[in-house]
Amino acid sequence: MRKLFEMGSFLSIEDWSTLKLLGGYELVRITPDSVLLRKEGFEIELHGTGFEFDMLLENSALLSFTELQELRIVKQRADGALS
């Protein structure tokens, strides 16, 4: 089966409590109040209360918090270390 529309990579934050991801990502660590993932050379870490993770499709996810307390995005260097 062929896809009609090729989806590009996309990340959005809504109301400072919901993160939407489209495109490939790697889930590194998930706890009841935080998540760490990698996406296209970036490491994204979120902390908050009331965390919910929904995998919408094969390469997309919705991460929601009742209250998002911290959002950290760090670019990885070519050697794999964080900048």
N, C-alpha and C. Protein backbone atom coordinates (compact mmCIF):
# COMPACT_ATOMS: atom_id res chain seq x y z
N MET A 1 0.84 -1.17 0.00
CA MET A 1 0.00 0.00 0.00
C MET A 1 0.89 1.24 0.00
N ARG A 2 0.55 2.19 -0.83
CA ARG A 2 1.31 3.41 -0.95
C ARG A 2 0.61 4.54 -0.21
N LYS A 3 1.41 5.40 0.42
CA LYS A 3 0.84 6.56 1.12
C LYS A 3 0.46 7.63 0.10
N LEU A 4 -0.68 8.24 0.29
CA LEU A 4 -1.10 9.31 -0.60
C LEU A 4 -0.30 10.58 -0.37
N PHE A 5 -0.05 10.88 0.89
CA PHE A 5 0.66 12.10 1.24
C PHE A 5 1.84 11.73 2.13
N GLU A 6 3.02 12.16 1.77
CA GLU A 6 4.20 11.93 2.60
C GLU A 6 4.22 12.98 3.71
N MET A 7 4.20 12.52 4.95
CA MET A 7 4.20 13.44 6.09
C MET A 7 5.63 13.81 6.44
N GLY A 8 5.89 15.11 6.57
CA GLY A 8 7.19 15.57 7.01
C GLY A 8 7.28 15.50 8.52
N SER A 9 8.43 15.83 9.03
CA SER A 9 8.63 15.83 10.47
C SER A 9 8.04 17.11 11.05
N PHE A 10 7.39 16.98 12.22
CA PHE A 10 6.68 18.11 12.79
C PHE A 10 6.64 17.96 14.31
N LEU A 11 6.85 19.05 15.01
CA LEU A 11 6.72 19.08 16.47
C LEU A 11 5.99 20.36 16.83
N SER A 12 4.95 20.25 17.64
CA SER A 12 4.22 21.45 18.06
C SER A 12 3.87 21.36 19.54
N ILE A 13 3.76 22.52 20.15
CA ILE A 13 3.37 22.61 21.56
C ILE A 13 2.10 23.45 21.61
N GLU A 14 1.07 22.89 22.27
CA GLU A 14 -0.21 23.59 22.38
C GLU A 14 -0.52 23.87 23.83
N ASP A 15 -0.89 25.07 24.13
CA ASP A 15 -1.32 25.49 25.47
C ASP A 15 -0.29 25.17 26.55
N TRP A 16 0.97 25.04 26.17
CA TRP A 16 2.05 24.73 27.11
C TRP A 16 1.75 23.50 27.96
N SER A 17 0.98 22.56 27.39
CA SER A 17 0.69 21.33 28.12
C SER A 17 0.64 20.09 27.21
N THR A 18 0.64 20.29 25.90
CA THR A 18 0.53 19.19 24.97
C THR A 18 1.60 19.29 23.89
N LEU A 19 2.30 18.20 23.66
CA LEU A 19 3.33 18.14 22.62
C LEU A 19 2.87 17.13 21.58
N LYS A 20 2.82 17.56 20.30
CA LYS A 20 2.46 16.68 19.20
C LYS A 20 3.70 16.40 18.37
N LEU A 21 3.92 15.13 18.05
CA LEU A 21 5.05 14.71 17.23
C LEU A 21 4.55 13.99 15.99
N LEU A 22 5.04 14.40 14.85
CA LEU A 22 4.79 13.67 13.60
C LEU A 22 6.14 13.33 13.02
N GLY A 23 6.30 12.14 12.53
CA GLY A 23 7.58 11.69 12.01
C GLY A 23 8.26 10.81 13.04
N GLY A 24 9.35 10.20 12.64
CA GLY A 24 10.04 9.25 13.52
C GLY A 24 10.60 9.87 14.79
N TYR A 25 10.58 9.09 15.85
CA TYR A 25 11.17 9.48 17.12
C TYR A 25 11.56 8.23 17.87
N GLU A 26 12.48 8.38 18.83
CA GLU A 26 12.92 7.26 19.66
C GLU A 26 12.54 7.57 21.10
N LEU A 27 11.76 6.73 21.70
CA LEU A 27 11.37 6.87 23.10
C LEU A 27 12.49 6.29 23.95
N VAL A 28 13.20 7.14 24.71
CA VAL A 28 14.35 6.73 25.50
C VAL A 28 13.95 6.33 26.90
N ARG A 29 13.15 7.17 27.56
CA ARG A 29 12.74 6.90 28.95
C ARG A 29 11.37 7.50 29.18
N ILE A 30 10.53 6.77 29.90
CA ILE A 30 9.21 7.27 30.25
C ILE A 30 8.92 6.90 31.70
N THR A 31 8.49 7.87 32.50
CA THR A 31 8.12 7.67 33.90
C THR A 31 6.74 8.29 34.11
N PRO A 32 6.14 8.14 35.27
CA PRO A 32 4.81 8.72 35.50
C PRO A 32 4.77 10.26 35.37
N ASP A 33 5.93 10.94 35.50
CA ASP A 33 5.91 12.41 35.42
C ASP A 33 6.92 13.00 34.44
N SER A 34 7.54 12.15 33.60
CA SER A 34 8.51 12.69 32.63
C SER A 34 8.66 11.77 31.44
N VAL A 35 9.24 12.33 30.38
CA VAL A 35 9.55 11.55 29.18
C VAL A 35 10.81 12.13 28.55
N LEU A 36 11.62 11.25 28.00
CA LEU A 36 12.83 11.63 27.28
C LEU A 36 12.78 10.92 25.94
N LEU A 37 12.93 11.69 24.85
CA LEU A 37 12.92 11.09 23.53
C LEU A 37 13.94 11.78 22.64
N ARG A 38 14.27 11.11 21.55
CA ARG A 38 15.19 11.65 20.56
C ARG A 38 14.46 11.76 19.23
N LYS A 39 14.75 12.87 18.56
CA LYS A 39 14.13 13.11 17.26
C LYS A 39 15.09 13.91 16.40
N GLU A 40 15.56 13.30 15.32
CA GLU A 40 16.37 13.97 14.31
C GLU A 40 17.54 14.76 14.89
N GLY A 41 18.31 14.14 15.76
CA GLY A 41 19.49 14.80 16.31
C GLY A 41 19.22 15.69 17.50
N PHE A 42 18.02 15.70 18.01
CA PHE A 42 17.68 16.48 19.20
C PHE A 42 17.22 15.54 20.31
N GLU A 43 17.53 15.89 21.54
CA GLU A 43 17.03 15.18 22.70
C GLU A 43 16.00 16.09 23.36
N ILE A 44 14.79 15.58 23.57
CA ILE A 44 13.68 16.36 24.10
C ILE A 44 13.25 15.73 25.42
N GLU A 45 13.27 16.53 26.49
CA GLU A 45 12.91 16.04 27.82
C GLU A 45 11.80 16.93 28.38
N LEU A 46 10.75 16.30 28.89
CA LEU A 46 9.62 17.01 29.47
C LEU A 46 9.34 16.46 30.86
N HIS A 47 9.03 17.36 31.80
CA HIS A 47 8.65 17.00 33.16
C HIS A 47 7.37 17.74 33.51
N GLY A 48 6.50 17.09 34.27
CA GLY A 48 5.27 17.74 34.69
C GLY A 48 4.40 16.79 35.48
N THR A 49 3.17 17.22 35.71
CA THR A 49 2.21 16.40 36.46
C THR A 49 1.11 15.94 35.51
N GLY A 50 0.50 14.82 35.85
CA GLY A 50 -0.62 14.29 35.05
C GLY A 50 -0.22 13.92 33.65
N PHE A 51 0.89 13.21 33.48
CA PHE A 51 1.43 12.86 32.17
C PHE A 51 0.64 11.74 31.51
N GLU A 52 0.33 11.93 30.22
CA GLU A 52 -0.33 10.90 29.41
C GLU A 52 0.38 10.81 28.07
N PHE A 53 0.61 9.59 27.60
CA PHE A 53 1.29 9.34 26.33
C PHE A 53 0.36 8.55 25.43
N ASP A 54 0.06 9.08 24.25
CA ASP A 54 -0.80 8.39 23.29
C ASP A 54 -0.05 8.26 21.97
N MET A 55 0.11 7.03 21.52
CA MET A 55 0.71 6.78 20.21
C MET A 55 -0.42 6.80 19.20
N LEU A 56 -0.45 7.82 18.35
CA LEU A 56 -1.57 7.98 17.42
C LEU A 56 -1.44 7.08 16.20
N LEU A 57 -0.29 7.11 15.58
CA LEU A 57 0.01 6.26 14.43
C LEU A 57 1.40 5.69 14.63
N GLU A 58 1.90 4.98 13.64
CA GLU A 58 3.22 4.37 13.75
C GLU A 58 4.31 5.39 14.07
N ASN A 59 4.27 6.56 13.46
CA ASN A 59 5.31 7.57 13.65
C ASN A 59 4.78 8.88 14.21
N SER A 60 3.77 8.83 15.04
CA SER A 60 3.26 10.06 15.64
C SER A 60 2.78 9.78 17.06
N ALA A 61 2.86 10.82 17.88
CA ALA A 61 2.48 10.67 19.28
C ALA A 61 1.93 11.98 19.82
N LEU A 62 1.18 11.87 20.89
CA LEU A 62 0.62 13.01 21.60
C LEU A 62 1.01 12.85 23.07
N LEU A 63 1.75 13.82 23.61
CA LEU A 63 2.19 13.80 25.00
C LEU A 63 1.50 14.94 25.71
N SER A 64 0.73 14.64 26.75
CA SER A 64 -0.05 15.65 27.45
C SER A 64 0.30 15.67 28.93
N PHE A 65 0.29 16.85 29.51
CA PHE A 65 0.50 17.06 30.93
C PHE A 65 -0.63 17.91 31.48
N THR A 66 -1.05 17.64 32.72
CA THR A 66 -1.97 18.55 33.39
C THR A 66 -1.26 19.88 33.59
N GLU A 67 0.01 19.79 34.03
CA GLU A 67 0.85 20.99 34.19
C GLU A 67 2.26 20.64 33.73
N LEU A 68 2.72 21.27 32.65
CA LEU A 68 4.07 21.09 32.17
C LEU A 68 4.99 21.99 32.98
N GLN A 69 5.99 21.42 33.64
CA GLN A 69 6.89 22.18 34.51
C GLN A 69 8.23 22.46 33.85
N GLU A 70 8.67 21.59 32.94
CA GLU A 70 9.97 21.79 32.30
C GLU A 70 9.97 21.18 30.91
N LEU A 71 10.54 21.91 29.96
CA LEU A 71 10.73 21.44 28.60
C LEU A 71 12.16 21.77 28.22
N ARG A 72 12.91 20.76 27.83
CA ARG A 72 14.31 20.96 27.49
C ARG A 72 14.58 20.29 26.15
N ILE A 73 15.14 21.05 25.20
CA ILE A 73 15.50 20.53 23.89
C ILE A 73 16.98 20.82 23.67
N VAL A 74 17.77 19.76 23.45
CA VAL A 74 19.21 19.91 23.29
C VAL A 74 19.62 19.21 22.00
N LYS A 75 20.43 19.89 21.19
CA LYS A 75 20.92 19.31 19.94
C LYS A 75 22.12 18.42 20.23
N GLN A 76 22.15 17.25 19.60
CA GLN A 76 23.28 16.34 19.74
C GLN A 76 24.37 16.72 18.75
N ARG A 77 25.61 16.59 19.18
CA ARG A 77 26.75 16.84 18.28
C ARG A 77 26.95 15.62 17.39
N ALA A 78 27.83 15.76 16.42
CA ALA A 78 28.10 14.66 15.48
C ALA A 78 28.64 13.43 16.20
N ASP A 79 29.35 13.62 17.33
CA ASP A 79 29.91 12.49 18.07
C ASP A 79 28.89 11.84 19.00
N GLY A 80 27.65 12.34 19.00
CA GLY A 80 26.59 11.77 19.84
C GLY A 80 26.42 12.44 21.18
N ALA A 81 27.40 13.27 21.58
CA ALA A 81 27.29 14.00 22.85
C ALA A 81 26.31 15.16 22.69
N LEU A 82 25.77 15.62 23.80
CA LEU A 82 24.84 16.74 23.75
C LEU A 82 25.59 18.06 23.72
N SER A 83 25.08 19.01 22.95
CA SER A 83 25.71 20.34 22.85
C SER A 83 25.48 21.17 24.08
